[in-house]
Amino acid sequence: MNEKQIQAAQENMLEWLADPHELGKKPYKIELAAEFELHGLHYYIFRFKPGLFSKWLVGVSGGFEENDLEPCGHTFSDMKEYHAETAQKDCMEMVEMIRAYWMEQAKNHT
């Protein structure tokens, strides 16, 4: 377990959530829920509560190469409820959506 990378992933998730176009603030609470590998990159699944009485929501931060502390830009949350049994699938779908978007953008600029 790479503690520095976990910390970098959490900070990246918090920064993303605080953006005015996303949650607009840091969440009330955030926890590392799981990790997974996809396309040779490492991802961190976070569950977070926007407010004290909010439900847990799911977000993903990554992808990280080996011991890097900078993610490649696949940090995202669709602000859907966190479910432990589907969190990895949900996060993989978010990553694939981001990858598809950027691949389409690259195709349109070549």
PDB file of N, CA and C in Angstrom:
ATOM      1  N   MET A   1       0.853  -1.187   0.000  1.00  0.00           N
ATOM      2  CA  MET A   1       0.000   0.000   0.000  1.00  0.00           C
ATOM      3  C   MET A   1       0.895   1.245   0.000  1.00  0.00           C
ATOM      4  N   ASN A   2       0.665   2.121  -0.949  1.00  0.00           N
ATOM      5  CA  ASN A   2       1.462   3.336  -1.103  1.00  0.00           C
ATOM      6  C   ASN A   2       0.740   4.501  -0.416  1.00  0.00           C
ATOM      7  N   GLU A   3       1.121   4.770   0.827  1.00  0.00           N
ATOM      8  CA  GLU A   3       0.434   5.798   1.625  1.00  0.00           C
ATOM      9  C   GLU A   3       0.518   7.188   0.996  1.00  0.00           C
ATOM     10  N   LYS A   4       1.679   7.518   0.410  1.00  0.00           N
ATOM     11  CA  LYS A   4       1.824   8.832  -0.223  1.00  0.00           C
ATOM     12  C   LYS A   4       0.888   8.958  -1.423  1.00  0.00           C
ATOM     13  N   GLN A   5       0.760   7.882  -2.186  1.00  0.00           N
ATOM     14  CA  GLN A   5      -0.127   7.912  -3.343  1.00  0.00           C
ATOM     15  C   GLN A   5      -1.592   7.988  -2.908  1.00  0.00           C
ATOM     16  N   ILE A   6      -1.937   7.288  -1.849  1.00  0.00           N
ATOM     17  CA  ILE A   6      -3.304   7.365  -1.314  1.00  0.00           C
ATOM     18  C   ILE A   6      -3.610   8.801  -0.893  1.00  0.00           C
ATOM     19  N   GLN A   7      -2.670   9.432  -0.199  1.00  0.00           N
ATOM     20  CA  GLN A   7      -2.857  10.824   0.232  1.00  0.00           C
ATOM     21  C   GLN A   7      -3.003  11.746  -0.972  1.00  0.00           C
ATOM     22  N   ALA A   8      -2.175  11.535  -1.991  1.00  0.00           N
ATOM     23  CA  ALA A   8      -2.264  12.354  -3.211  1.00  0.00           C
ATOM     24  C   ALA A   8      -3.609  12.150  -3.897  1.00  0.00           C
ATOM     25  N   ALA A   9      -4.085  10.907  -3.925  1.00  0.00           N
ATOM     26  CA  ALA A   9      -5.381  10.613  -4.545  1.00  0.00           C
ATOM     27  C   ALA A   9      -6.511  11.290  -3.783  1.00  0.00           C
ATOM     28  N   GLN A  10      -6.460  11.242  -2.458  1.00  0.00           N
ATOM     29  CA  GLN A  10      -7.508  11.878  -1.657  1.00  0.00           C
ATOM     30  C   GLN A  10      -7.480  13.395  -1.833  1.00  0.00           C
ATOM     31  N   GLU A  11      -6.296  13.982  -1.826  1.00  0.00           N
ATOM     32  CA  GLU A  11      -6.193  15.431  -2.035  1.00  0.00           C
ATOM     33  C   GLU A  11      -6.730  15.820  -3.405  1.00  0.00           C
ATOM     34  N   ASN A  12      -6.435  14.990  -4.414  1.00  0.00           N
ATOM     35  CA  ASN A  12      -6.927  15.241  -5.759  1.00  0.00           C
ATOM     36  C   ASN A  12      -8.452  15.149  -5.805  1.00  0.00           C
ATOM     37  N   MET A  13      -9.012  14.160  -5.116  1.00  0.00           N
ATOM     38  CA  MET A  13     -10.469  14.001  -5.067  1.00  0.00           C
ATOM     39  C   MET A  13     -11.103  15.192  -4.364  1.00  0.00           C
ATOM     40  N   LEU A  14     -10.521  15.631  -3.257  1.00  0.00           N
ATOM     41  CA  LEU A  14     -11.050  16.783  -2.519  1.00  0.00           C
ATOM     42  C   LEU A  14     -11.007  18.053  -3.365  1.00  0.00           C
ATOM     43  N   GLU A  15      -9.905  18.247  -4.077  1.00  0.00           N
ATOM     44  CA  GLU A  15      -9.774  19.424  -4.941  1.00  0.00           C
ATOM     45  C   GLU A  15     -10.830  19.388  -6.049  1.00  0.00           C
ATOM     46  N   TRP A  16     -11.028  18.215  -6.634  1.00  0.00           N
ATOM     47  CA  TRP A  16     -12.022  18.067  -7.702  1.00  0.00           C
ATOM     48  C   TRP A  16     -13.424  18.361  -7.156  1.00  0.00           C
ATOM     49  N   LEU A  17     -13.754  17.799  -6.007  1.00  0.00           N
ATOM     50  CA  LEU A  17     -15.084  18.007  -5.422  1.00  0.00           C
ATOM     51  C   LEU A  17     -15.321  19.468  -5.064  1.00  0.00           C
ATOM     52  N   ALA A  18     -14.286  20.170  -4.620  1.00  0.00           N
ATOM     53  CA  ALA A  18     -14.431  21.565  -4.193  1.00  0.00           C
ATOM     54  C   ALA A  18     -14.639  22.529  -5.359  1.00  0.00           C
ATOM     55  N   ASP A  19     -14.392  22.077  -6.569  1.00  0.00           N
ATOM     56  CA  ASP A  19     -14.575  22.942  -7.740  1.00  0.00           C
ATOM     57  C   ASP A  19     -16.026  23.427  -7.808  1.00  0.00           C
ATOM     58  N   PRO A  20     -16.247  24.704  -8.139  1.00  0.00           N
ATOM     59  CA  PRO A  20     -17.614  25.248  -8.207  1.00  0.00           C
ATOM     60  C   PRO A  20     -18.525  24.530  -9.204  1.00  0.00           C
ATOM     61  N   HIS A  21     -17.934  23.856 -10.203  1.00  0.00           N
ATOM     62  CA  HIS A  21     -18.743  23.134 -11.188  1.00  0.00           C
ATOM     63  C   HIS A  21     -19.076  21.712 -10.741  1.00  0.00           C
ATOM     64  N   GLU A  22     -18.535  21.300  -9.621  1.00  0.00           N
ATOM     65  CA  GLU A  22     -18.793  19.946  -9.107  1.00  0.00           C
ATOM     66  C   GLU A  22     -19.599  20.070  -7.812  1.00  0.00           C
ATOM     67  N   LEU A  23     -19.078  19.586  -6.689  1.00  0.00           N
ATOM     68  CA  LEU A  23     -19.789  19.698  -5.416  1.00  0.00           C
ATOM     69  C   LEU A  23     -19.766  21.140  -4.909  1.00  0.00           C
ATOM     70  N   GLY A  24     -18.702  21.854  -5.240  1.00  0.00           N
ATOM     71  CA  GLY A  24     -18.596  23.263  -4.855  1.00  0.00           C
ATOM     72  C   GLY A  24     -18.007  23.497  -3.476  1.00  0.00           C
ATOM     73  N   LYS A  25     -17.612  22.421  -2.814  1.00  0.00           N
ATOM     74  CA  LYS A  25     -17.015  22.523  -1.477  1.00  0.00           C
ATOM     75  C   LYS A  25     -16.367  21.189  -1.150  1.00  0.00           C
ATOM     76  N   LYS A  26     -15.544  21.187  -0.125  1.00  0.00           N
ATOM     77  CA  LYS A  26     -15.010  19.912   0.343  1.00  0.00           C
ATOM     78  C   LYS A  26     -16.140  19.162   1.038  1.00  0.00           C
ATOM     79  N   PRO A  27     -16.167  17.846   0.909  1.00  0.00           N
ATOM     80  CA  PRO A  27     -17.235  17.091   1.558  1.00  0.00           C
ATOM     81  C   PRO A  27     -17.093  17.108   3.078  1.00  0.00           C
ATOM     82  N   TYR A  28     -18.206  16.819   3.737  1.00  0.00           N
ATOM     83  CA  TYR A  28     -18.214  16.729   5.197  1.00  0.00           C
ATOM     84  C   TYR A  28     -17.275  15.614   5.660  1.00  0.00           C
ATOM     85  N   LYS A  29     -17.272  14.492   4.908  1.00  0.00           N
ATOM     86  CA  LYS A  29     -16.458  13.344   5.275  1.00  0.00           C
ATOM     87  C   LYS A  29     -16.057  12.604   4.004  1.00  0.00           C
ATOM     88  N   ILE A  30     -14.845  12.057   3.993  1.00  0.00           N
ATOM     89  CA  ILE A  30     -14.368  11.265   2.860  1.00  0.00           C
ATOM     90  C   ILE A  30     -13.552  10.100   3.393  1.00  0.00           C
ATOM     91  N   GLU A  31     -13.692   8.941   2.745  1.00  0.00           N
ATOM     92  CA  GLU A  31     -12.967   7.739   3.157  1.00  0.00           C
ATOM     93  C   GLU A  31     -12.532   6.958   1.935  1.00  0.00           C
ATOM     94  N   LEU A  32     -11.339   6.369   2.013  1.00  0.00           N
ATOM     95  CA  LEU A  32     -10.898   5.439   0.986  1.00  0.00           C
ATOM     96  C   LEU A  32     -11.723   4.170   1.127  1.00  0.00           C
ATOM     97  N   ALA A  33     -12.337   3.734   0.039  1.00  0.00           N
ATOM     98  CA  ALA A  33     -13.193   2.551   0.092  1.00  0.00           C
ATOM     99  C   ALA A  33     -12.536   1.328  -0.538  1.00  0.00           C
ATOM    100  N   ALA A  34     -11.773   1.532  -1.612  1.00  0.00           N
ATOM    101  CA  ALA A  34     -11.161   0.403  -2.318  1.00  0.00           C
ATOM    102  C   ALA A  34     -10.172   0.934  -3.346  1.00  0.00           C
ATOM    103  N   GLU A  35      -9.490  -0.002  -4.006  1.00  0.00           N
ATOM    104  CA  GLU A  35      -8.538   0.316  -5.061  1.00  0.00           C
ATOM    105  C   GLU A  35      -8.742  -0.682  -6.190  1.00  0.00           C
ATOM    106  N   PHE A  36      -8.348  -0.297  -7.408  1.00  0.00           N
ATOM    107  CA  PHE A  36      -8.397  -1.234  -8.529  1.00  0.00           C
ATOM    108  C   PHE A  36      -7.406  -0.812  -9.603  1.00  0.00           C
ATOM    109  N   GLU A  37      -7.107  -1.742 -10.498  1.00  0.00           N
ATOM    110  CA  GLU A  37      -6.229  -1.503 -11.643  1.00  0.00           C
ATOM    111  C   GLU A  37      -7.075  -1.535 -12.908  1.00  0.00           C
ATOM    112  N   LEU A  38      -6.753  -0.628 -13.835  1.00  0.00           N
ATOM    113  CA  LEU A  38      -7.441  -0.602 -15.126  1.00  0.00           C
ATOM    114  C   LEU A  38      -6.502   0.025 -16.147  1.00  0.00           C
ATOM    115  N   HIS A  39      -6.323  -0.644 -17.268  1.00  0.00           N
ATOM    116  CA  HIS A  39      -5.461  -0.149 -18.350  1.00  0.00           C
ATOM    117  C   HIS A  39      -4.051   0.171 -17.855  1.00  0.00           C
ATOM    118  N   GLY A  40      -3.546  -0.638 -16.933  1.00  0.00           N
ATOM    119  CA  GLY A  40      -2.190  -0.455 -16.428  1.00  0.00           C
ATOM    120  C   GLY A  40      -2.023   0.700 -15.452  1.00  0.00           C
ATOM    121  N   LEU A  41      -3.131   1.274 -14.997  1.00  0.00           N
ATOM    122  CA  LEU A  41      -3.094   2.388 -14.048  1.00  0.00           C
ATOM    123  C   LEU A  41      -3.802   1.997 -12.755  1.00  0.00           C
ATOM    124  N   HIS A  42      -3.418   2.643 -11.659  1.00  0.00           N
ATOM    125  CA  HIS A  42      -4.004   2.359 -10.347  1.00  0.00           C
ATOM    126  C   HIS A  42      -5.010   3.452  -9.986  1.00  0.00           C
ATOM    127  N   TYR A  43      -6.165   3.026  -9.487  1.00  0.00           N
ATOM    128  CA  TYR A  43      -7.254   3.943  -9.136  1.00  0.00           C
ATOM    129  C   TYR A  43      -7.682   3.725  -7.692  1.00  0.00           C
ATOM    130  N   TYR A  44      -8.196   4.809  -7.091  1.00  0.00           N
ATOM    131  CA  TYR A  44      -8.689   4.784  -5.715  1.00  0.00           C
ATOM    132  C   TYR A  44     -10.160   5.163  -5.704  1.00  0.00           C
ATOM    133  N   ILE A  45     -10.947   4.346  -5.037  1.00  0.00           N
ATOM    134  CA  ILE A  45     -12.381   4.602  -4.885  1.00  0.00           C
ATOM    135  C   ILE A  45     -12.596   5.271  -3.532  1.00  0.00           C
ATOM    136  N   PHE A  46     -13.271   6.399  -3.564  1.00  0.00           N
ATOM    137  CA  PHE A  46     -13.602   7.113  -2.330  1.00  0.00           C
ATOM    138  C   PHE A  46     -15.108   7.169  -2.158  1.00  0.00           C
ATOM    139  N   ARG A  47     -15.514   7.091  -0.913  1.00  0.00           N
ATOM    140  CA  ARG A  47     -16.907   7.392  -0.596  1.00  0.00           C
ATOM    141  C   ARG A  47     -16.877   8.678   0.214  1.00  0.00           C
ATOM    142  N   PHE A  48     -17.861   9.532  -0.034  1.00  0.00           N
ATOM    143  CA  PHE A  48     -17.866  10.830   0.634  1.00  0.00           C
ATOM    144  C   PHE A  48     -19.292  11.270   0.926  1.00  0.00           C
ATOM    145  N   LYS A  49     -19.414  12.089   1.972  1.00  0.00           N
ATOM    146  CA  LYS A  49     -20.696  12.668   2.364  1.00  0.00           C
ATOM    147  C   LYS A  49     -20.614  14.175   2.139  1.00  0.00           C
ATOM    148  N   PRO A  50     -21.473  14.713   1.280  1.00  0.00           N
ATOM    149  CA  PRO A  50     -21.469  16.160   1.062  1.00  0.00           C
ATOM    150  C   PRO A  50     -21.797  16.948   2.330  1.00  0.00           C
ATOM    151  N   GLY A  51     -22.689  16.408   3.153  1.00  0.00           N
ATOM    152  CA  GLY A  51     -23.099  17.059   4.391  1.00  0.00           C
ATOM    153  C   GLY A  51     -23.291  16.038   5.492  1.00  0.00           C
ATOM    154  N   LEU A  52     -23.501  16.506   6.695  1.00  0.00           N
ATOM    155  CA  LEU A  52     -23.633  15.641   7.863  1.00  0.00           C
ATOM    156  C   LEU A  52     -24.703  14.571   7.689  1.00  0.00           C
ATOM    157  N   PHE A  53     -25.839  14.939   7.127  1.00  0.00           N
ATOM    158  CA  PHE A  53     -26.956  14.001   7.017  1.00  0.00           C
ATOM    159  C   PHE A  53     -27.112  13.427   5.612  1.00  0.00           C
ATOM    160  N   SER A  54     -26.120  13.639   4.767  1.00  0.00           N
ATOM    161  CA  SER A  54     -26.158  13.145   3.388  1.00  0.00           C
ATOM    162  C   SER A  54     -25.853  11.656   3.328  1.00  0.00           C
ATOM    163  N   LYS A  55     -26.281  11.030   2.238  1.00  0.00           N
ATOM    164  CA  LYS A  55     -25.901   9.647   1.963  1.00  0.00           C
ATOM    165  C   LYS A  55     -24.468   9.642   1.454  1.00  0.00           C
ATOM    166  N   TRP A  56     -23.823   8.482   1.561  1.00  0.00           N
ATOM    167  CA  TRP A  56     -22.486   8.317   1.007  1.00  0.00           C
ATOM    168  C   TRP A  56     -22.590   8.321  -0.513  1.00  0.00           C
ATOM    169  N   LEU A  57     -21.708   9.082  -1.162  1.00  0.00           N
ATOM    170  CA  LEU A  57     -21.611   9.108  -2.613  1.00  0.00           C
ATOM    171  C   LEU A  57     -20.264   8.519  -3.016  1.00  0.00           C
ATOM    172  N   VAL A  58     -20.126   8.137  -4.296  1.00  0.00           N
ATOM    173  CA  VAL A  58     -18.905   7.483  -4.769  1.00  0.00           C
ATOM    174  C   VAL A  58     -18.139   8.384  -5.730  1.00  0.00           C
ATOM    175  N   GLY A  59     -16.805   8.301  -5.638  1.00  0.00           N
ATOM    176  CA  GLY A  59     -15.929   9.020  -6.558  1.00  0.00           C
ATOM    177  C   GLY A  59     -14.666   8.215  -6.800  1.00  0.00           C
ATOM    178  N   VAL A  60     -13.962   8.537  -7.885  1.00  0.00           N
ATOM    179  CA  VAL A  60     -12.737   7.825  -8.246  1.00  0.00           C
ATOM    180  C   VAL A  60     -11.621   8.832  -8.499  1.00  0.00           C
ATOM    181  N   SER A  61     -10.414   8.481  -8.085  1.00  0.00           N
ATOM    182  CA  SER A  61      -9.238   9.318  -8.325  1.00  0.00           C
ATOM    183  C   SER A  61      -8.139   8.458  -8.936  1.00  0.00           C
ATOM    184  N   GLY A  62      -7.570   8.940 -10.025  1.00  0.00           N
ATOM    185  CA  GLY A  62      -6.504   8.195 -10.700  1.00  0.00           C
ATOM    186  C   GLY A  62      -6.335   8.694 -12.111  1.00  0.00           C
ATOM    187  N   GLY A  63      -5.842   7.894 -12.934  1.00  0.00           N
ATOM    188  CA  GLY A  63      -5.046   6.737 -12.678  1.00  0.00           C
ATOM    189  C   GLY A  63      -3.595   7.128 -12.407  1.00  0.00           C
ATOM    190  N   PHE A  64      -3.007   6.336 -11.582  1.00  0.00           N
ATOM    191  CA  PHE A  64      -1.625   6.550 -11.173  1.00  0.00           C
ATOM    192  C   PHE A  64      -0.734   5.468 -11.768  1.00  0.00           C
ATOM    193  N   GLU A  65       0.422   5.874 -12.265  1.00  0.00           N
ATOM    194  CA  GLU A  65       1.442   4.924 -12.695  1.00  0.00           C
ATOM    195  C   GLU A  65       2.324   4.615 -11.495  1.00  0.00           C
ATOM    196  N   GLU A  66       2.613   3.356 -11.280  1.00  0.00           N
ATOM    197  CA  GLU A  66       3.476   2.861 -10.207  1.00  0.00           C
ATOM    198  C   GLU A  66       3.500   3.746  -8.973  1.00  0.00           C
ATOM    199  N   ASN A  67       4.599   4.462  -8.742  1.00  0.00           N
ATOM    200  CA  ASN A  67       4.731   5.273  -7.529  1.00  0.00           C
ATOM    201  C   ASN A  67       4.523   6.756  -7.771  1.00  0.00           C
ATOM    202  N   ASP A  68       3.947   7.122  -8.915  1.00  0.00           N
ATOM    203  CA  ASP A  68       3.684   8.532  -9.205  1.00  0.00           C
ATOM    204  C   ASP A  68       2.706   9.118  -8.198  1.00  0.00           C
ATOM    205  N   LEU A  69       2.817  10.413  -7.983  1.00  0.00           N
ATOM    206  CA  LEU A  69       1.912  11.109  -7.069  1.00  0.00           C
ATOM    207  C   LEU A  69       0.972  12.049  -7.815  1.00  0.00           C
ATOM    208  N   GLU A  70       1.045  12.058  -9.147  1.00  0.00           N
ATOM    209  CA  GLU A  70       0.148  12.864  -9.976  1.00  0.00           C
ATOM    210  C   GLU A  70      -0.739  11.932 -10.785  1.00  0.00           C
ATOM    211  N   PRO A  71      -2.058  12.050 -10.647  1.00  0.00           N
ATOM    212  CA  PRO A  71      -2.945  11.210 -11.452  1.00  0.00           C
ATOM    213  C   PRO A  71      -2.980  11.699 -12.897  1.00  0.00           C
ATOM    214  N   CYS A  72      -3.439  10.846 -13.787  1.00  0.00           N
ATOM    215  CA  CYS A  72      -3.476  11.197 -15.204  1.00  0.00           C
ATOM    216  C   CYS A  72      -4.692  12.044 -15.573  1.00  0.00           C
ATOM    217  N   GLY A  73      -5.595  12.276 -14.640  1.00  0.00           N
ATOM    218  CA  GLY A  73      -6.750  13.131 -14.929  1.00  0.00           C
ATOM    219  C   GLY A  73      -8.083  12.413 -14.940  1.00  0.00           C
ATOM    220  N   HIS A  74      -8.113  11.209 -14.428  1.00  0.00           N
ATOM    221  CA  HIS A  74      -9.359  10.446 -14.391  1.00  0.00           C
ATOM    222  C   HIS A  74     -10.048  10.558 -13.035  1.00  0.00           C
ATOM    223  N   THR A  75     -10.076  11.736 -12.461  1.00  0.00           N
ATOM    224  CA  THR A  75     -10.760  11.958 -11.185  1.00  0.00           C
ATOM    225  C   THR A  75     -12.160  12.454 -11.487  1.00  0.00           C
ATOM    226  N   PHE A  76     -13.165  11.799 -10.861  1.00  0.00           N
ATOM    227  CA  PHE A  76     -14.543  12.115 -11.227  1.00  0.00           C
ATOM    228  C   PHE A  76     -15.511  11.532 -10.200  1.00  0.00           C
ATOM    229  N   SER A  77     -16.686  12.134 -10.145  1.00  0.00           N
ATOM    230  CA  SER A  77     -17.830  11.565  -9.431  1.00  0.00           C
ATOM    231  C   SER A  77     -19.081  11.965 -10.187  1.00  0.00           C
ATOM    232  N   ASP A  78     -19.957  11.003 -10.383  1.00  0.00           N
ATOM    233  CA  ASP A  78     -21.255  11.323 -10.984  1.00  0.00           C
ATOM    234  C   ASP A  78     -22.284  11.623  -9.900  1.00  0.00           C
ATOM    235  N   MET A  79     -21.801  11.738  -8.663  1.00  0.00           N
ATOM    236  CA  MET A  79     -22.614  12.092  -7.491  1.00  0.00           C
ATOM    237  C   MET A  79     -23.715  11.068  -7.215  1.00  0.00           C
ATOM    238  N   LYS A  80     -23.426   9.809  -7.570  1.00  0.00           N
ATOM    239  CA  LYS A  80     -24.375   8.732  -7.293  1.00  0.00           C
ATOM    240  C   LYS A  80     -24.059   8.104  -5.945  1.00  0.00           C
ATOM    241  N   GLU A  81     -25.065   7.471  -5.389  1.00  0.00           N
ATOM    242  CA  GLU A  81     -24.925   6.852  -4.077  1.00  0.00           C
ATOM    243  C   GLU A  81     -23.883   5.738  -4.101  1.00  0.00           C
ATOM    244  N   TYR A  82     -23.106   5.649  -3.026  1.00  0.00           N
ATOM    245  CA  TYR A  82     -22.087   4.622  -2.872  1.00  0.00           C
ATOM    246  C   TYR A  82     -22.734   3.315  -2.439  1.00  0.00           C
ATOM    247  N   HIS A  83     -22.375   2.237  -3.145  1.00  0.00           N
ATOM    248  CA  HIS A  83     -22.769   0.875  -2.774  1.00  0.00           C
ATOM    249  C   HIS A  83     -21.512   0.017  -2.877  1.00  0.00           C
ATOM    250  N   ALA A  84     -21.081  -0.571  -1.778  1.00  0.00           N
ATOM    251  CA  ALA A  84     -19.835  -1.337  -1.748  1.00  0.00           C
ATOM    252  C   ALA A  84     -19.797  -2.417  -2.820  1.00  0.00           C
ATOM    253  N   GLU A  85     -20.940  -3.067  -3.049  1.00  0.00           N
ATOM    254  CA  GLU A  85     -20.956  -4.182  -3.989  1.00  0.00           C
ATOM    255  C   GLU A  85     -20.850  -3.749  -5.453  1.00  0.00           C
ATOM    256  N   THR A  86     -21.113  -2.494  -5.768  1.00  0.00           N
ATOM    257  CA  THR A  86     -21.033  -2.028  -7.162  1.00  0.00           C
ATOM    258  C   THR A  86     -20.039  -0.882  -7.359  1.00  0.00           C
ATOM    259  N   ALA A  87     -19.362  -0.470  -6.309  1.00  0.00           N
ATOM    260  CA  ALA A  87     -18.491   0.715  -6.392  1.00  0.00           C
ATOM    261  C   ALA A  87     -17.399   0.562  -7.446  1.00  0.00           C
ATOM    262  N   GLN A  88     -16.755  -0.598  -7.508  1.00  0.00           N
ATOM    263  CA  GLN A  88     -15.682  -0.763  -8.492  1.00  0.00           C
ATOM    264  C   GLN A  88     -16.240  -0.693  -9.906  1.00  0.00           C
ATOM    265  N   LYS A  89     -17.329  -1.365 -10.175  1.00  0.00           N
ATOM    266  CA  LYS A  89     -17.963  -1.316 -11.493  1.00  0.00           C
ATOM    267  C   LYS A  89     -18.377   0.109 -11.826  1.00  0.00           C
ATOM    268  N   ASP A  90     -18.977   0.792 -10.877  1.00  0.00           N
ATOM    269  CA  ASP A  90     -19.408   2.181 -11.090  1.00  0.00           C
ATOM    270  C   ASP A  90     -18.217   3.073 -11.433  1.00  0.00           C
ATOM    271  N   CYS A  91     -17.120   2.906 -10.708  1.00  0.00           N
ATOM    272  CA  CYS A  91     -15.937   3.738 -10.947  1.00  0.00           C
ATOM    273  C   CYS A  91     -15.257   3.385 -12.267  1.00  0.00           C
ATOM    274  N   MET A  92     -15.229   2.111 -12.610  1.00  0.00           N
ATOM    275  CA  MET A  92     -14.662   1.721 -13.905  1.00  0.00           C
ATOM    276  C   MET A  92     -15.471   2.342 -15.044  1.00  0.00           C
ATOM    277  N   GLU A  93     -16.774   2.384 -14.896  1.00  0.00           N
ATOM    278  CA  GLU A  93     -17.622   3.012 -15.914  1.00  0.00           C
ATOM    279  C   GLU A  93     -17.331   4.509 -16.021  1.00  0.00           C
ATOM    280  N   MET A  94     -17.100   5.174 -14.890  1.00  0.00           N
ATOM    281  CA  MET A  94     -16.760   6.600 -14.924  1.00  0.00           C
ATOM    282  C   MET A  94     -15.432   6.815 -15.645  1.00  0.00           C
ATOM    283  N   VAL A  95     -14.434   5.972 -15.342  1.00  0.00           N
ATOM    284  CA  VAL A  95     -13.127   6.085 -15.991  1.00  0.00           C
ATOM    285  C   VAL A  95     -13.267   5.862 -17.493  1.00  0.00           C
ATOM    286  N   GLU A  96     -14.019   4.848 -17.882  1.00  0.00           N
ATOM    287  CA  GLU A  96     -14.200   4.565 -19.314  1.00  0.00           C
ATOM    288  C   GLU A  96     -14.911   5.719 -20.016  1.00  0.00           C
ATOM    289  N   MET A  97     -15.839   6.366 -19.346  1.00  0.00           N
ATOM    290  CA  MET A  97     -16.532   7.520 -19.923  1.00  0.00           C
ATOM    291  C   MET A  97     -15.535   8.664 -20.163  1.00  0.00           C
ATOM    292  N   ILE A  98     -14.669   8.922 -19.184  1.00  0.00           N
ATOM    293  CA  ILE A  98     -13.664   9.981 -19.318  1.00  0.00           C
ATOM    294  C   ILE A  98     -12.701   9.651 -20.458  1.00  0.00           C
ATOM    295  N   ARG A  99     -12.231   8.403 -20.502  1.00  0.00           N
ATOM    296  CA  ARG A  99     -11.302   7.991 -21.562  1.00  0.00           C
ATOM    297  C   ARG A  99     -11.950   8.145 -22.930  1.00  0.00           C
ATOM    298  N   ALA A 100     -13.199   7.723 -23.058  1.00  0.00           N
ATOM    299  CA  ALA A 100     -13.900   7.823 -24.343  1.00  0.00           C
ATOM    300  C   ALA A 100     -14.030   9.281 -24.771  1.00  0.00           C
ATOM    301  N   TYR A 101     -14.333  10.157 -23.839  1.00  0.00           N
ATOM    302  CA  TYR A 101     -14.460  11.580 -24.148  1.00  0.00           C
ATOM    303  C   TYR A 101     -13.148  12.123 -24.704  1.00  0.00           C
ATOM    304  N   TRP A 102     -12.038  11.849 -24.002  1.00  0.00           N
ATOM    305  CA  TRP A 102     -10.753  12.397 -24.438  1.00  0.00           C
ATOM    306  C   TRP A 102     -10.255  11.743 -25.714  1.00  0.00           C
ATOM    307  N   MET A 103     -10.575  10.488 -25.938  1.00  0.00           N
ATOM    308  CA  MET A 103     -10.211   9.845 -27.205  1.00  0.00           C
ATOM    309  C   MET A 103     -10.973  10.480 -28.362  1.00  0.00           C
ATOM    310  N   GLU A 104     -12.228  10.795 -28.136  1.00  0.00           N
ATOM    311  CA  GLU A 104     -13.035  11.465 -29.156  1.00  0.00           C
ATOM    312  C   GLU A 104     -12.492  12.865 -29.430  1.00  0.00           C
ATOM    313  N   GLN A 105     -12.115  13.576 -28.375  1.00  0.00           N
ATOM    314  CA  GLN A 105     -11.532  14.909 -28.547  1.00  0.00           C
ATOM    315  C   GLN A 105     -10.242  14.839 -29.364  1.00  0.00           C
ATOM    316  N   ALA A 106      -9.403  13.860 -29.069  1.00  0.00           N
ATOM    317  CA  ALA A 106      -8.140  13.704 -29.798  1.00  0.00           C
ATOM    318  C   ALA A 106      -8.402  13.380 -31.264  1.00  0.00           C
ATOM    319  N   LYS A 107      -9.391  12.529 -31.513  1.00  0.00           N
ATOM    320  CA  LYS A 107      -9.734  12.161 -32.889  1.00  0.00           C
ATOM    321  C   LYS A 107     -10.213  13.379 -33.673  1.00  0.00           C
ATOM    322  N   ASN A 108     -10.953  14.259 -33.042  1.00  0.00           N
ATOM    323  CA  ASN A 108     -11.482  15.449 -33.702  1.00  0.00           C
ATOM    324  C   ASN A 108     -10.410  16.498 -33.978  1.00  0.00           C
ATOM    325  N   HIS A 109      -9.260  16.378 -33.325  1.00  0.00           N
ATOM    326  CA  HIS A 109      -8.196  17.368 -33.496  1.00  0.00           C
ATOM    327  C   HIS A 109      -7.038  16.849 -34.339  1.00  0.00           C
ATOM    328  N   THR A 110      -7.227  15.695 -34.950  1.00  0.00           N
ATOM    329  CA  THR A 110      -6.148  15.160 -35.798  1.00  0.00           C
ATOM    330  C   THR A 110      -6.548  15.143 -37.242  1.00  0.00           C
TER     331      THR A 110
END
